[in-house]
Amino acid sequence: MLGQSRKPPLSREDAREIAIRALSFLAGDAEHMSRFLALSGMGPQDIRENADEAPFQAALLEHLMSDEALLLSFCGNENIDPQLISPALHLLED
């Protein structure tokens, strides 16, 4: 791909930051947060205990990816390329 600049690969820290921003985004809207909690089977205490854990962060990104409107809203609000969510998820799953 001559003449095209290449973006540096997404790091695991980048993926973790995206997930934390996703948590903040969901927490900012009671309806979105309630839906995540209901679908994940978690309670508020579980979030406090697991927010720094990669499996929980992956679950946040999976949740966003399961709802295109929510995903696009998050990405637009946070100025994140929607195409970064899937690679971020894969990094957190490893």
PDB file of N, CA and C in Angstrom:
ATOM      1  N   MET A   1       0.834  -1.183   0.000  1.00  0.00           N
ATOM      2  CA  MET A   1       0.000   0.000   0.000  1.00  0.00           C
ATOM      3  C   MET A   1       0.876   1.243   0.000  1.00  0.00           C
ATOM      4  N   LEU A   2       1.489   1.463  -1.080  1.00  0.00           N
ATOM      5  CA  LEU A   2       2.354   2.629  -1.201  1.00  0.00           C
ATOM      6  C   LEU A   2       1.544   3.908  -1.155  1.00  0.00           C
ATOM      7  N   GLY A   3       2.099   4.898  -0.533  1.00  0.00           N
ATOM      8  CA  GLY A   3       1.460   6.205  -0.497  1.00  0.00           C
ATOM      9  C   GLY A   3       0.377   6.345   0.552  1.00  0.00           C
ATOM     10  N   GLN A   4       0.023   5.251   1.217  1.00  0.00           N
ATOM     11  CA  GLN A   4      -1.002   5.336   2.256  1.00  0.00           C
ATOM     12  C   GLN A   4      -0.330   5.252   3.621  1.00  0.00           C
ATOM     13  N   SER A   5      -0.734   6.152   4.503  1.00  0.00           N
ATOM     14  CA  SER A   5      -0.175   6.083   5.849  1.00  0.00           C
ATOM     15  C   SER A   5      -0.861   4.953   6.597  1.00  0.00           C
ATOM     16  N   ARG A   6      -0.106   4.275   7.409  1.00  0.00           N
ATOM     17  CA  ARG A   6      -0.660   3.179   8.192  1.00  0.00           C
ATOM     18  C   ARG A   6      -0.807   3.634   9.624  1.00  0.00           C
ATOM     19  N   LYS A   7      -1.961   3.301  10.201  1.00  0.00           N
ATOM     20  CA  LYS A   7      -2.187   3.613  11.610  1.00  0.00           C
ATOM     21  C   LYS A   7      -1.420   2.610  12.452  1.00  0.00           C
ATOM     22  N   PRO A   8      -0.867   3.069  13.564  1.00  0.00           N
ATOM     23  CA  PRO A   8      -0.217   2.097  14.447  1.00  0.00           C
ATOM     24  C   PRO A   8      -1.258   1.119  14.969  1.00  0.00           C
ATOM     25  N   PRO A   9      -0.856  -0.106  15.233  1.00  0.00           N
ATOM     26  CA  PRO A   9      -1.826  -1.080  15.727  1.00  0.00           C
ATOM     27  C   PRO A   9      -2.383  -0.656  17.093  1.00  0.00           C
ATOM     28  N   LEU A  10      -3.582  -1.079  17.342  1.00  0.00           N
ATOM     29  CA  LEU A  10      -4.243  -0.817  18.613  1.00  0.00           C
ATOM     30  C   LEU A  10      -3.532  -1.631  19.697  1.00  0.00           C
ATOM     31  N   SER A  11      -3.222  -0.994  20.792  1.00  0.00           N
ATOM     32  CA  SER A  11      -2.574  -1.705  21.900  1.00  0.00           C
ATOM     33  C   SER A  11      -3.628  -2.202  22.888  1.00  0.00           C
ATOM     34  N   ARG A  12      -3.209  -3.083  23.752  1.00  0.00           N
ATOM     35  CA  ARG A  12      -4.117  -3.579  24.798  1.00  0.00           C
ATOM     36  C   ARG A  12      -4.551  -2.429  25.712  1.00  0.00           C
ATOM     37  N   GLU A  13      -3.636  -1.506  25.984  1.00  0.00           N
ATOM     38  CA  GLU A  13      -3.993  -0.339  26.798  1.00  0.00           C
ATOM     39  C   GLU A  13      -5.036   0.526  26.087  1.00  0.00           C
ATOM     40  N   ASP A  14      -4.906   0.682  24.769  1.00  0.00           N
ATOM     41  CA  ASP A  14      -5.913   1.412  23.995  1.00  0.00           C
ATOM     42  C   ASP A  14      -7.272   0.720  24.127  1.00  0.00           C
ATOM     43  N   ALA A  15      -7.261  -0.601  24.033  1.00  0.00           N
ATOM     44  CA  ALA A  15      -8.500  -1.373  24.140  1.00  0.00           C
ATOM     45  C   ALA A  15      -9.123  -1.195  25.519  1.00  0.00           C
ATOM     46  N   ARG A  16      -8.292  -1.205  26.555  1.00  0.00           N
ATOM     47  CA  ARG A  16      -8.798  -1.020  27.922  1.00  0.00           C
ATOM     48  C   ARG A  16      -9.404   0.380  28.085  1.00  0.00           C
ATOM     49  N   GLU A  17      -8.758   1.374  27.488  1.00  0.00           N
ATOM     50  CA  GLU A  17      -9.276   2.737  27.573  1.00  0.00           C
ATOM     51  C   GLU A  17     -10.628   2.850  26.868  1.00  0.00           C
ATOM     52  N   ILE A  18     -10.756   2.224  25.721  1.00  0.00           N
ATOM     53  CA  ILE A  18     -12.039   2.243  25.011  1.00  0.00           C
ATOM     54  C   ILE A  18     -13.123   1.606  25.872  1.00  0.00           C
ATOM     55  N   ALA A  19     -12.795   0.485  26.508  1.00  0.00           N
ATOM     56  CA  ALA A  19     -13.775  -0.203  27.353  1.00  0.00           C
ATOM     57  C   ALA A  19     -14.182   0.650  28.550  1.00  0.00           C
ATOM     58  N   ILE A  20     -13.233   1.314  29.177  1.00  0.00           N
ATOM     59  CA  ILE A  20     -13.561   2.177  30.323  1.00  0.00           C
ATOM     60  C   ILE A  20     -14.435   3.349  29.864  1.00  0.00           C
ATOM     61  N   ARG A  21     -14.136   3.876  28.700  1.00  0.00           N
ATOM     62  CA  ARG A  21     -14.975   4.947  28.152  1.00  0.00           C
ATOM     63  C   ARG A  21     -16.380   4.413  27.843  1.00  0.00           C
ATOM     64  N   ALA A  22     -16.468   3.159  27.409  1.00  0.00           N
ATOM     65  CA  ALA A  22     -17.773   2.542  27.163  1.00  0.00           C
ATOM     66  C   ALA A  22     -18.556   2.417  28.465  1.00  0.00           C
ATOM     67  N   LEU A  23     -17.877   2.025  29.533  1.00  0.00           N
ATOM     68  CA  LEU A  23     -18.544   1.926  30.832  1.00  0.00           C
ATOM     69  C   LEU A  23     -19.064   3.289  31.270  1.00  0.00           C
ATOM     70  N   SER A  24     -18.250   4.297  31.117  1.00  0.00           N
ATOM     71  CA  SER A  24     -18.662   5.652  31.481  1.00  0.00           C
ATOM     72  C   SER A  24     -19.855   6.098  30.636  1.00  0.00           C
ATOM     73  N   PHE A  25     -19.814   5.787  29.361  1.00  0.00           N
ATOM     74  CA  PHE A  25     -20.914   6.135  28.454  1.00  0.00           C
ATOM     75  C   PHE A  25     -22.209   5.456  28.904  1.00  0.00           C
ATOM     76  N   LEU A  26     -22.142   4.160  29.186  1.00  0.00           N
ATOM     77  CA  LEU A  26     -23.334   3.433  29.616  1.00  0.00           C
ATOM     78  C   LEU A  26     -23.836   3.953  30.963  1.00  0.00           C
ATOM     79  N   ALA A  27     -22.913   4.222  31.861  1.00  0.00           N
ATOM     80  CA  ALA A  27     -23.292   4.699  33.194  1.00  0.00           C
ATOM     81  C   ALA A  27     -23.952   6.074  33.142  1.00  0.00           C
ATOM     82  N   GLY A  28     -23.683   6.824  32.086  1.00  0.00           N
ATOM     83  CA  GLY A  28     -24.276   8.149  31.935  1.00  0.00           C
ATOM     84  C   GLY A  28     -25.720   8.135  31.505  1.00  0.00           C
ATOM     85  N   ASP A  29     -26.269   6.966  31.216  1.00  0.00           N
ATOM     86  CA  ASP A  29     -27.660   6.843  30.787  1.00  0.00           C
ATOM     87  C   ASP A  29     -28.282   5.661  31.522  1.00  0.00           C
ATOM     88  N   ALA A  30     -29.208   5.930  32.415  1.00  0.00           N
ATOM     89  CA  ALA A  30     -29.791   4.889  33.266  1.00  0.00           C
ATOM     90  C   ALA A  30     -30.410   3.754  32.448  1.00  0.00           C
ATOM     91  N   GLU A  31     -31.041   4.079  31.341  1.00  0.00           N
ATOM     92  CA  GLU A  31     -31.673   3.043  30.515  1.00  0.00           C
ATOM     93  C   GLU A  31     -30.625   2.113  29.896  1.00  0.00           C
ATOM     94  N   HIS A  32     -29.555   2.702  29.358  1.00  0.00           N
ATOM     95  CA  HIS A  32     -28.495   1.884  28.771  1.00  0.00           C
ATOM     96  C   HIS A  32     -27.833   1.006  29.835  1.00  0.00           C
ATOM     97  N   MET A  33     -27.572   1.594  31.000  1.00  0.00           N
ATOM     98  CA  MET A  33     -26.913   0.840  32.061  1.00  0.00           C
ATOM     99  C   MET A  33     -27.813  -0.278  32.570  1.00  0.00           C
ATOM    100  N   SER A  34     -29.086   0.011  32.742  1.00  0.00           N
ATOM    101  CA  SER A  34     -30.031  -1.012  33.210  1.00  0.00           C
ATOM    102  C   SER A  34     -30.099  -2.176  32.234  1.00  0.00           C
ATOM    103  N   ARG A  35     -30.088  -1.858  30.955  1.00  0.00           N
ATOM    104  CA  ARG A  35     -30.144  -2.921  29.933  1.00  0.00           C
ATOM    105  C   ARG A  35     -28.876  -3.773  30.004  1.00  0.00           C
ATOM    106  N   PHE A  36     -27.718  -3.136  30.123  1.00  0.00           N
ATOM    107  CA  PHE A  36     -26.471  -3.894  30.234  1.00  0.00           C
ATOM    108  C   PHE A  36     -26.505  -4.797  31.464  1.00  0.00           C
ATOM    109  N   LEU A  37     -26.929  -4.258  32.587  1.00  0.00           N
ATOM    110  CA  LEU A  37     -26.982  -5.051  33.818  1.00  0.00           C
ATOM    111  C   LEU A  37     -27.943  -6.224  33.662  1.00  0.00           C
ATOM    112  N   ALA A  38     -29.097  -5.990  33.073  1.00  0.00           N
ATOM    113  CA  ALA A  38     -30.088  -7.055  32.897  1.00  0.00           C
ATOM    114  C   ALA A  38     -29.557  -8.155  31.979  1.00  0.00           C
ATOM    115  N   LEU A  39     -28.938  -7.767  30.881  1.00  0.00           N
ATOM    116  CA  LEU A  39     -28.440  -8.761  29.927  1.00  0.00           C
ATOM    117  C   LEU A  39     -27.215  -9.503  30.441  1.00  0.00           C
ATOM    118  N   SER A  40     -26.401  -8.840  31.241  1.00  0.00           N
ATOM    119  CA  SER A  40     -25.176  -9.475  31.741  1.00  0.00           C
ATOM    120  C   SER A  40     -25.411 -10.264  33.025  1.00  0.00           C
ATOM    121  N   GLY A  41     -26.507  -9.975  33.710  1.00  0.00           N
ATOM    122  CA  GLY A  41     -26.767 -10.635  34.986  1.00  0.00           C
ATOM    123  C   GLY A  41     -25.946 -10.066  36.124  1.00  0.00           C
ATOM    124  N   MET A  42     -25.342  -8.923  35.906  1.00  0.00           N
ATOM    125  CA  MET A  42     -24.509  -8.289  36.923  1.00  0.00           C
ATOM    126  C   MET A  42     -25.307  -7.256  37.702  1.00  0.00           C
ATOM    127  N   GLY A  43     -24.782  -6.928  38.863  1.00  0.00           N
ATOM    128  CA  GLY A  43     -25.330  -5.852  39.657  1.00  0.00           C
ATOM    129  C   GLY A  43     -24.292  -4.753  39.789  1.00  0.00           C
ATOM    130  N   PRO A  44     -24.676  -3.625  40.359  1.00  0.00           N
ATOM    131  CA  PRO A  44     -23.727  -2.514  40.520  1.00  0.00           C
ATOM    132  C   PRO A  44     -22.449  -2.909  41.260  1.00  0.00           C
ATOM    133  N   GLN A  45     -22.555  -3.755  42.259  1.00  0.00           N
ATOM    134  CA  GLN A  45     -21.370  -4.184  43.000  1.00  0.00           C
ATOM    135  C   GLN A  45     -20.413  -4.970  42.106  1.00  0.00           C
ATOM    136  N   ASP A  46     -20.974  -5.793  41.210  1.00  0.00           N
ATOM    137  CA  ASP A  46     -20.144  -6.557  40.278  1.00  0.00           C
ATOM    138  C   ASP A  46     -19.326  -5.626  39.390  1.00  0.00           C
ATOM    139  N   ILE A  47     -19.934  -4.529  38.976  1.00  0.00           N
ATOM    140  CA  ILE A  47     -19.232  -3.571  38.123  1.00  0.00           C
ATOM    141  C   ILE A  47     -18.061  -2.961  38.880  1.00  0.00           C
ATOM    142  N   ARG A  48     -18.303  -2.563  40.114  1.00  0.00           N
ATOM    143  CA  ARG A  48     -17.224  -1.971  40.922  1.00  0.00           C
ATOM    144  C   ARG A  48     -16.069  -2.964  41.100  1.00  0.00           C
ATOM    145  N   GLU A  49     -16.404  -4.221  41.289  1.00  0.00           N
ATOM    146  CA  GLU A  49     -15.377  -5.233  41.539  1.00  0.00           C
ATOM    147  C   GLU A  49     -14.631  -5.656  40.277  1.00  0.00           C
ATOM    148  N   ASN A  50     -15.264  -5.522  39.106  1.00  0.00           N
ATOM    149  CA  ASN A  50     -14.692  -6.074  37.881  1.00  0.00           C
ATOM    150  C   ASN A  50     -14.311  -5.060  36.816  1.00  0.00           C
ATOM    151  N   ALA A  51     -14.488  -3.790  37.069  1.00  0.00           N
ATOM    152  CA  ALA A  51     -14.268  -2.768  36.038  1.00  0.00           C
ATOM    153  C   ALA A  51     -12.871  -2.812  35.432  1.00  0.00           C
ATOM    154  N   ASP A  52     -11.879  -3.225  36.190  1.00  0.00           N
ATOM    155  CA  ASP A  52     -10.497  -3.263  35.690  1.00  0.00           C
ATOM    156  C   ASP A  52     -10.115  -4.602  35.067  1.00  0.00           C
ATOM    157  N   GLU A  53     -11.053  -5.530  35.013  1.00  0.00           N
ATOM    158  CA  GLU A  53     -10.755  -6.868  34.500  1.00  0.00           C
ATOM    159  C   GLU A  53     -11.075  -6.974  33.010  1.00  0.00           C
ATOM    160  N   ALA A  54     -10.162  -7.566  32.251  1.00  0.00           N
ATOM    161  CA  ALA A  54     -10.321  -7.690  30.795  1.00  0.00           C
ATOM    162  C   ALA A  54     -11.605  -8.420  30.390  1.00  0.00           C
ATOM    163  N   PRO A  55     -12.009  -9.516  31.047  1.00  0.00           N
ATOM    164  CA  PRO A  55     -13.254 -10.174  30.632  1.00  0.00           C
ATOM    165  C   PRO A  55     -14.480  -9.258  30.770  1.00  0.00           C
ATOM    166  N   PHE A  56     -14.508  -8.471  31.835  1.00  0.00           N
ATOM    167  CA  PHE A  56     -15.610  -7.527  32.005  1.00  0.00           C
ATOM    168  C   PHE A  56     -15.559  -6.455  30.925  1.00  0.00           C
ATOM    169  N   GLN A  57     -14.369  -5.951  30.646  1.00  0.00           N
ATOM    170  CA  GLN A  57     -14.219  -4.924  29.616  1.00  0.00           C
ATOM    171  C   GLN A  57     -14.620  -5.475  28.251  1.00  0.00           C
ATOM    172  N   ALA A  58     -14.280  -6.724  27.980  1.00  0.00           N
ATOM    173  CA  ALA A  58     -14.702  -7.356  26.731  1.00  0.00           C
ATOM    174  C   ALA A  58     -16.225  -7.449  26.665  1.00  0.00           C
ATOM    175  N   ALA A  59     -16.856  -7.769  27.788  1.00  0.00           N
ATOM    176  CA  ALA A  59     -18.319  -7.853  27.824  1.00  0.00           C
ATOM    177  C   ALA A  59     -18.954  -6.500  27.497  1.00  0.00           C
ATOM    178  N   LEU A  60     -18.338  -5.431  27.960  1.00  0.00           N
ATOM    179  CA  LEU A  60     -18.848  -4.094  27.632  1.00  0.00           C
ATOM    180  C   LEU A  60     -18.820  -3.854  26.125  1.00  0.00           C
ATOM    181  N   LEU A  61     -17.705  -4.204  25.498  1.00  0.00           N
ATOM    182  CA  LEU A  61     -17.579  -3.990  24.064  1.00  0.00           C
ATOM    183  C   LEU A  61     -18.503  -4.919  23.284  1.00  0.00           C
ATOM    184  N   GLU A  62     -18.664  -6.147  23.749  1.00  0.00           N
ATOM    185  CA  GLU A  62     -19.614  -7.064  23.114  1.00  0.00           C
ATOM    186  C   GLU A  62     -21.022  -6.488  23.175  1.00  0.00           C
ATOM    187  N   HIS A  63     -21.355  -5.908  24.311  1.00  0.00           N
ATOM    188  CA  HIS A  63     -22.675  -5.303  24.476  1.00  0.00           C
ATOM    189  C   HIS A  63     -22.872  -4.173  23.468  1.00  0.00           C
ATOM    190  N   LEU A  64     -21.890  -3.326  23.315  1.00  0.00           N
ATOM    191  CA  LEU A  64     -21.994  -2.240  22.342  1.00  0.00           C
ATOM    192  C   LEU A  64     -22.150  -2.792  20.929  1.00  0.00           C
ATOM    193  N   MET A  65     -21.398  -3.817  20.617  1.00  0.00           N
ATOM    194  CA  MET A  65     -21.435  -4.373  19.271  1.00  0.00           C
ATOM    195  C   MET A  65     -22.748  -5.093  18.969  1.00  0.00           C
ATOM    196  N   SER A  66     -23.485  -5.458  19.998  1.00  0.00           N
ATOM    197  CA  SER A  66     -24.753  -6.155  19.784  1.00  0.00           C
ATOM    198  C   SER A  66     -25.882  -5.206  19.402  1.00  0.00           C
ATOM    199  N   ASP A  67     -25.637  -3.907  19.498  1.00  0.00           N
ATOM    200  CA  ASP A  67     -26.666  -2.902  19.202  1.00  0.00           C
ATOM    201  C   ASP A  67     -26.029  -1.796  18.371  1.00  0.00           C
ATOM    202  N   GLU A  68     -26.254  -1.839  17.064  1.00  0.00           N
ATOM    203  CA  GLU A  68     -25.576  -0.906  16.169  1.00  0.00           C
ATOM    204  C   GLU A  68     -25.858   0.553  16.518  1.00  0.00           C
ATOM    205  N   ALA A  69     -27.101   0.856  16.859  1.00  0.00           N
ATOM    206  CA  ALA A  69     -27.435   2.249  17.212  1.00  0.00           C
ATOM    207  C   ALA A  69     -26.659   2.689  18.453  1.00  0.00           C
ATOM    208  N   LEU A  70     -26.567   1.819  19.443  1.00  0.00           N
ATOM    209  CA  LEU A  70     -25.822   2.128  20.660  1.00  0.00           C
ATOM    210  C   LEU A  70     -24.334   2.285  20.339  1.00  0.00           C
ATOM    211  N   LEU A  71     -23.816   1.384  19.527  1.00  0.00           N
ATOM    212  CA  LEU A  71     -22.405   1.441  19.126  1.00  0.00           C
ATOM    213  C   LEU A  71     -22.093   2.763  18.431  1.00  0.00           C
ATOM    214  N   LEU A  72     -22.920   3.137  17.479  1.00  0.00           N
ATOM    215  CA  LEU A  72     -22.679   4.373  16.744  1.00  0.00           C
ATOM    216  C   LEU A  72     -22.842   5.601  17.631  1.00  0.00           C
ATOM    217  N   SER A  73     -23.780   5.536  18.562  1.00  0.00           N
ATOM    218  CA  SER A  73     -23.956   6.639  19.508  1.00  0.00           C
ATOM    219  C   SER A  73     -22.718   6.793  20.378  1.00  0.00           C
ATOM    220  N   PHE A  74     -22.228   5.677  20.916  1.00  0.00           N
ATOM    221  CA  PHE A  74     -21.012   5.702  21.731  1.00  0.00           C
ATOM    222  C   PHE A  74     -19.836   6.255  20.931  1.00  0.00           C
ATOM    223  N   CYS A  75     -19.627   5.720  19.753  1.00  0.00           N
ATOM    224  CA  CYS A  75     -18.477   6.134  18.940  1.00  0.00           C
ATOM    225  C   CYS A  75     -18.570   7.599  18.548  1.00  0.00           C
ATOM    226  N   GLY A  76     -19.766   8.057  18.217  1.00  0.00           N
ATOM    227  CA  GLY A  76     -19.943   9.463  17.882  1.00  0.00           C
ATOM    228  C   GLY A  76     -19.702  10.362  19.079  1.00  0.00           C
ATOM    229  N   ASN A  77     -20.212   9.956  20.217  1.00  0.00           N
ATOM    230  CA  ASN A  77     -20.059  10.732  21.447  1.00  0.00           C
ATOM    231  C   ASN A  77     -18.598  10.804  21.892  1.00  0.00           C
ATOM    232  N   GLU A  78     -17.877   9.711  21.717  1.00  0.00           N
ATOM    233  CA  GLU A  78     -16.492   9.608  22.196  1.00  0.00           C
ATOM    234  C   GLU A  78     -15.462   9.883  21.099  1.00  0.00           C
ATOM    235  N   ASN A  79     -15.942  10.166  19.893  1.00  0.00           N
ATOM    236  CA  ASN A  79     -15.057  10.422  18.751  1.00  0.00           C
ATOM    237  C   ASN A  79     -14.089   9.253  18.528  1.00  0.00           C
ATOM    238  N   ILE A  80     -14.657   8.053  18.479  1.00  0.00           N
ATOM    239  CA  ILE A  80     -13.905   6.817  18.264  1.00  0.00           C
ATOM    240  C   ILE A  80     -14.384   6.198  16.959  1.00  0.00           C
ATOM    241  N   ASP A  81     -13.459   5.751  16.144  1.00  0.00           N
ATOM    242  CA  ASP A  81     -13.799   5.065  14.905  1.00  0.00           C
ATOM    243  C   ASP A  81     -14.497   3.751  15.261  1.00  0.00           C
ATOM    244  N   PRO A  82     -15.729   3.528  14.780  1.00  0.00           N
ATOM    245  CA  PRO A  82     -16.435   2.278  15.101  1.00  0.00           C
ATOM    246  C   PRO A  82     -15.663   1.019  14.697  1.00  0.00           C
ATOM    247  N   GLN A  83     -14.780   1.150  13.720  1.00  0.00           N
ATOM    248  CA  GLN A  83     -14.010  -0.008  13.275  1.00  0.00           C
ATOM    249  C   GLN A  83     -12.937  -0.418  14.286  1.00  0.00           C
ATOM    250  N   LEU A  84     -12.726   0.381  15.316  1.00  0.00           N
ATOM    251  CA  LEU A  84     -11.749   0.026  16.353  1.00  0.00           C
ATOM    252  C   LEU A  84     -12.331  -0.880  17.434  1.00  0.00           C
ATOM    253  N   ILE A  85     -13.659  -0.958  17.504  1.00  0.00           N
ATOM    254  CA  ILE A  85     -14.286  -1.702  18.599  1.00  0.00           C
ATOM    255  C   ILE A  85     -14.000  -3.197  18.498  1.00  0.00           C
ATOM    256  N   SER A  86     -14.138  -3.771  17.324  1.00  0.00           N
ATOM    257  CA  SER A  86     -13.882  -5.208  17.170  1.00  0.00           C
ATOM    258  C   SER A  86     -12.425  -5.567  17.481  1.00  0.00           C
ATOM    259  N   PRO A  87     -11.433  -4.850  16.938  1.00  0.00           N
ATOM    260  CA  PRO A  87     -10.054  -5.174  17.322  1.00  0.00           C
ATOM    261  C   PRO A  87      -9.802  -4.991  18.822  1.00  0.00           C
ATOM    262  N   ALA A  88     -10.425  -3.978  19.418  1.00  0.00           N
ATOM    263  CA  ALA A  88     -10.272  -3.775  20.868  1.00  0.00           C
ATOM    264  C   ALA A  88     -10.842  -4.969  21.624  1.00  0.00           C
ATOM    265  N   LEU A  89     -11.995  -5.436  21.196  1.00  0.00           N
ATOM    266  CA  LEU A  89     -12.608  -6.606  21.831  1.00  0.00           C
ATOM    267  C   LEU A  89     -11.675  -7.807  21.740  1.00  0.00           C
ATOM    268  N   HIS A  90     -11.110  -8.052  20.579  1.00  0.00           N
ATOM    269  CA  HIS A  90     -10.220  -9.201  20.411  1.00  0.00           C
ATOM    270  C   HIS A  90      -8.982  -9.100  21.309  1.00  0.00           C
ATOM    271  N   LEU A  91      -8.462  -7.899  21.480  1.00  0.00           N
ATOM    272  CA  LEU A  91      -7.311  -7.728  22.367  1.00  0.00           C
ATOM    273  C   LEU A  91      -7.680  -8.046  23.811  1.00  0.00           C
ATOM    274  N   LEU A  92      -8.880  -7.687  24.210  1.00  0.00           N
ATOM    275  CA  LEU A  92      -9.296  -7.939  25.593  1.00  0.00           C
ATOM    276  C   LEU A  92      -9.660  -9.403  25.833  1.00  0.00           C
ATOM    277  N   GLU A  93     -10.001 -10.100  24.770  1.00  0.00           N
ATOM    278  CA  GLU A  93     -10.346 -11.518  24.901  1.00  0.00           C
ATOM    279  C   GLU A  93      -9.110 -12.411  24.981  1.00  0.00           C
ATOM    280  N   ASP A  94      -7.978 -11.916  24.512  1.00  0.00           N
ATOM    281  CA  ASP A  94      -6.742 -12.726  24.502  1.00  0.00           C
ATOM    282  C   ASP A  94      -6.177 -12.903  25.883  1.00  0.00           C
TER     283      ASP A  94
END
